[in-house]
């Protein structure tokens, strides 16, 4: 189960009221980083908070905005690369990189 309480526990709740998009990491991504075993509060400060910032874009985006090949700068100064494929059923992968 994806743990969303980390946003509530962080200092991001008030500043993120409007105009942002959060790319939610998968459970597999949390496991890959070893974050599946840390308490939710780990993501509220320091390195944990940086993980959240790497998935936040200061722009309100809709499905129609996420065109294949789009690059988005995150609040953590990383780049999200949007990859889409499929016909009517669209699958999307947004990969965070330096």
C-alpha atoms as a PDB file:
ATOM      1  CA  UNK A   1       0.000   0.000   0.000  1.00  0.00           C
ATOM      2  CA  UNK A   2       1.340   3.427  -0.918  1.00  0.00           C
ATOM      3  CA  UNK A   3       1.983   5.522   2.160  1.00  0.00           C
ATOM      4  CA  UNK A   4       0.626   9.027   1.531  1.00  0.00           C
ATOM      5  CA  UNK A   5       0.792  10.233   5.109  1.00  0.00           C
ATOM      6  CA  UNK A   6       4.362  11.386   4.509  1.00  0.00           C
ATOM      7  CA  UNK A   7       3.070  14.539   2.815  1.00  0.00           C
ATOM      8  CA  UNK A   8       0.900  15.342   5.810  1.00  0.00           C
ATOM      9  CA  UNK A   9       3.826  14.708   8.174  1.00  0.00           C
ATOM     10  CA  UNK A  10       6.184  16.954   6.229  1.00  0.00           C
ATOM     11  CA  UNK A  11       6.364  20.718   6.253  1.00  0.00           C
ATOM     12  CA  UNK A  12       4.898  20.787   2.725  1.00  0.00           C
ATOM     13  CA  UNK A  13       1.191  20.705   3.540  1.00  0.00           C
ATOM     14  CA  UNK A  14       0.519  24.435   3.791  1.00  0.00           C
ATOM     15  CA  UNK A  15       2.723  25.651   0.889  1.00  0.00           C
ATOM     16  CA  UNK A  16       1.284  23.043  -1.501  1.00  0.00           C
ATOM     17  CA  UNK A  17      -2.293  24.220  -1.478  1.00  0.00           C
ATOM     18  CA  UNK A  18      -2.507  24.948  -5.232  1.00  0.00           C
ATOM     19  CA  UNK A  19      -0.498  24.924  -8.434  1.00  0.00           C
ATOM     20  CA  UNK A  20       1.604  21.791  -7.878  1.00  0.00           C
ATOM     21  CA  UNK A  21       1.679  18.267  -9.248  1.00  0.00           C
ATOM     22  CA  UNK A  22       2.938  15.341  -7.192  1.00  0.00           C
ATOM     23  CA  UNK A  23       4.227  12.319  -9.089  1.00  0.00           C
ATOM     24  CA  UNK A  24       3.516   9.526  -6.632  1.00  0.00           C
ATOM     25  CA  UNK A  25       6.308   6.968  -6.359  1.00  0.00           C
ATOM     26  CA  UNK A  26       5.321   3.308  -6.600  1.00  0.00           C
ATOM     27  CA  UNK A  27       5.762   0.865  -3.751  1.00  0.00           C
ATOM     28  CA  UNK A  28       8.562  -0.737  -5.799  1.00  0.00           C
ATOM     29  CA  UNK A  29      10.393   2.600  -5.965  1.00  0.00           C
ATOM     30  CA  UNK A  30      10.148   2.989  -2.172  1.00  0.00           C
ATOM     31  CA  UNK A  31      11.442  -0.560  -1.726  1.00  0.00           C
ATOM     32  CA  UNK A  32      14.326   0.044  -4.140  1.00  0.00           C
ATOM     33  CA  UNK A  33      15.475   2.995  -2.002  1.00  0.00           C
ATOM     34  CA  UNK A  34      14.877   1.130   1.254  1.00  0.00           C
ATOM     35  CA  UNK A  35      12.128   3.563   2.240  1.00  0.00           C
ATOM     36  CA  UNK A  36       9.527   0.842   2.738  1.00  0.00           C
ATOM     37  CA  UNK A  37      10.892   0.151   6.233  1.00  0.00           C
ATOM     38  CA  UNK A  38      11.446   3.684   7.545  1.00  0.00           C
ATOM     39  CA  UNK A  39       8.834   5.525   9.636  1.00  0.00           C
ATOM     40  CA  UNK A  40       6.670   8.022   7.711  1.00  0.00           C
ATOM     41  CA  UNK A  41       8.244  10.889   9.643  1.00  0.00           C
ATOM     42  CA  UNK A  42      11.571  10.149   7.897  1.00  0.00           C
ATOM     43  CA  UNK A  43      10.131  11.809   4.793  1.00  0.00           C
ATOM     44  CA  UNK A  44       9.356  15.016   6.696  1.00  0.00           C
ATOM     45  CA  UNK A  45      12.914  16.388   6.883  1.00  0.00           C
ATOM     46  CA  UNK A  46      16.416  16.086   5.448  1.00  0.00           C
ATOM     47  CA  UNK A  47      17.096  13.386   2.873  1.00  0.00           C
ATOM     48  CA  UNK A  48      13.547  12.073   3.165  1.00  0.00           C
ATOM     49  CA  UNK A  49      12.098  15.481   2.348  1.00  0.00           C
ATOM     50  CA  UNK A  50      14.416  15.643  -0.667  1.00  0.00           C
ATOM     51  CA  UNK A  51      12.748  12.471  -1.986  1.00  0.00           C
ATOM     52  CA  UNK A  52       9.392  14.265  -1.861  1.00  0.00           C
ATOM     53  CA  UNK A  53      10.768  17.405  -3.512  1.00  0.00           C
ATOM     54  CA  UNK A  54      12.153  15.243  -6.329  1.00  0.00           C
ATOM     55  CA  UNK A  55       8.569  14.233  -7.141  1.00  0.00           C
ATOM     56  CA  UNK A  56       6.932  17.677  -6.951  1.00  0.00           C
ATOM     57  CA  UNK A  57       6.542  20.048  -9.894  1.00  0.00           C
ATOM     58  CA  UNK A  58       5.528  23.674  -9.358  1.00  0.00           C
ATOM     59  CA  UNK A  59       2.830  23.562 -11.983  1.00  0.00           C
ATOM     60  CA  UNK A  60      -0.678  22.181 -12.020  1.00  0.00           C
ATOM     61  CA  UNK A  61      -0.591  19.497 -14.697  1.00  0.00           C
ATOM     62  CA  UNK A  62      -3.373  17.480 -16.241  1.00  0.00           C
ATOM     63  CA  UNK A  63      -3.253  14.193 -18.132  1.00  0.00           C
ATOM     64  CA  UNK A  64      -3.335  16.087 -21.430  1.00  0.00           C
ATOM     65  CA  UNK A  65      -0.176  18.001 -20.413  1.00  0.00           C
ATOM     66  CA  UNK A  66       1.893  14.851 -19.950  1.00  0.00           C
ATOM     67  CA  UNK A  67       2.995  14.332 -23.545  1.00  0.00           C
ATOM     68  CA  UNK A  68       5.628  11.724 -24.365  1.00  0.00           C
ATOM     69  CA  UNK A  69       9.078  13.283 -24.150  1.00  0.00           C
ATOM     70  CA  UNK A  70       8.052  16.072 -21.767  1.00  0.00           C
ATOM     71  CA  UNK A  71      10.728  17.093 -19.266  1.00  0.00           C
ATOM     72  CA  UNK A  72       9.710  18.756 -16.013  1.00  0.00           C
ATOM     73  CA  UNK A  73      11.974  20.370 -13.394  1.00  0.00           C
ATOM     74  CA  UNK A  74      11.129  19.344  -9.827  1.00  0.00           C
ATOM     75  CA  UNK A  75      11.342  21.350  -6.615  1.00  0.00           C
ATOM     76  CA  UNK A  76      14.290  19.116  -5.722  1.00  0.00           C
ATOM     77  CA  UNK A  77      16.144  20.341  -8.839  1.00  0.00           C
ATOM     78  CA  UNK A  78      15.797  17.001 -10.648  1.00  0.00           C
ATOM     79  CA  UNK A  79      14.198  16.326 -14.006  1.00  0.00           C
ATOM     80  CA  UNK A  80      11.153  14.130 -14.555  1.00  0.00           C
ATOM     81  CA  UNK A  81      11.079  12.512 -17.991  1.00  0.00           C
ATOM     82  CA  UNK A  82       7.578  11.571 -19.150  1.00  0.00           C
ATOM     83  CA  UNK A  83       7.330   8.444 -21.314  1.00  0.00           C
ATOM     84  CA  UNK A  84       3.952   7.415 -22.718  1.00  0.00           C
ATOM     85  CA  UNK A  85       2.863   4.631 -24.969  1.00  0.00           C
ATOM     86  CA  UNK A  86      -0.392   2.964 -25.913  1.00  0.00           C
ATOM     87  CA  UNK A  87      -3.551   3.755 -27.821  1.00  0.00           C
ATOM     88  CA  UNK A  88      -6.733   4.521 -25.932  1.00  0.00           C
ATOM     89  CA  UNK A  89      -5.285   2.902 -22.818  1.00  0.00           C
ATOM     90  CA  UNK A  90      -2.287   5.054 -21.972  1.00  0.00           C
ATOM     91  CA  UNK A  91       0.519   3.867 -19.733  1.00  0.00           C
ATOM     92  CA  UNK A  92       2.881   6.466 -18.342  1.00  0.00           C
ATOM     93  CA  UNK A  93       6.269   6.282 -16.693  1.00  0.00           C
ATOM     94  CA  UNK A  94       7.726   9.385 -15.137  1.00  0.00           C
ATOM     95  CA  UNK A  95      11.362   8.790 -14.248  1.00  0.00           C
ATOM     96  CA  UNK A  96      13.240  11.154 -11.946  1.00  0.00           C
ATOM     97  CA  UNK A  97      16.842  11.758 -12.956  1.00  0.00           C
ATOM     98  CA  UNK A  98      19.642  14.257 -12.426  1.00  0.00           C
END
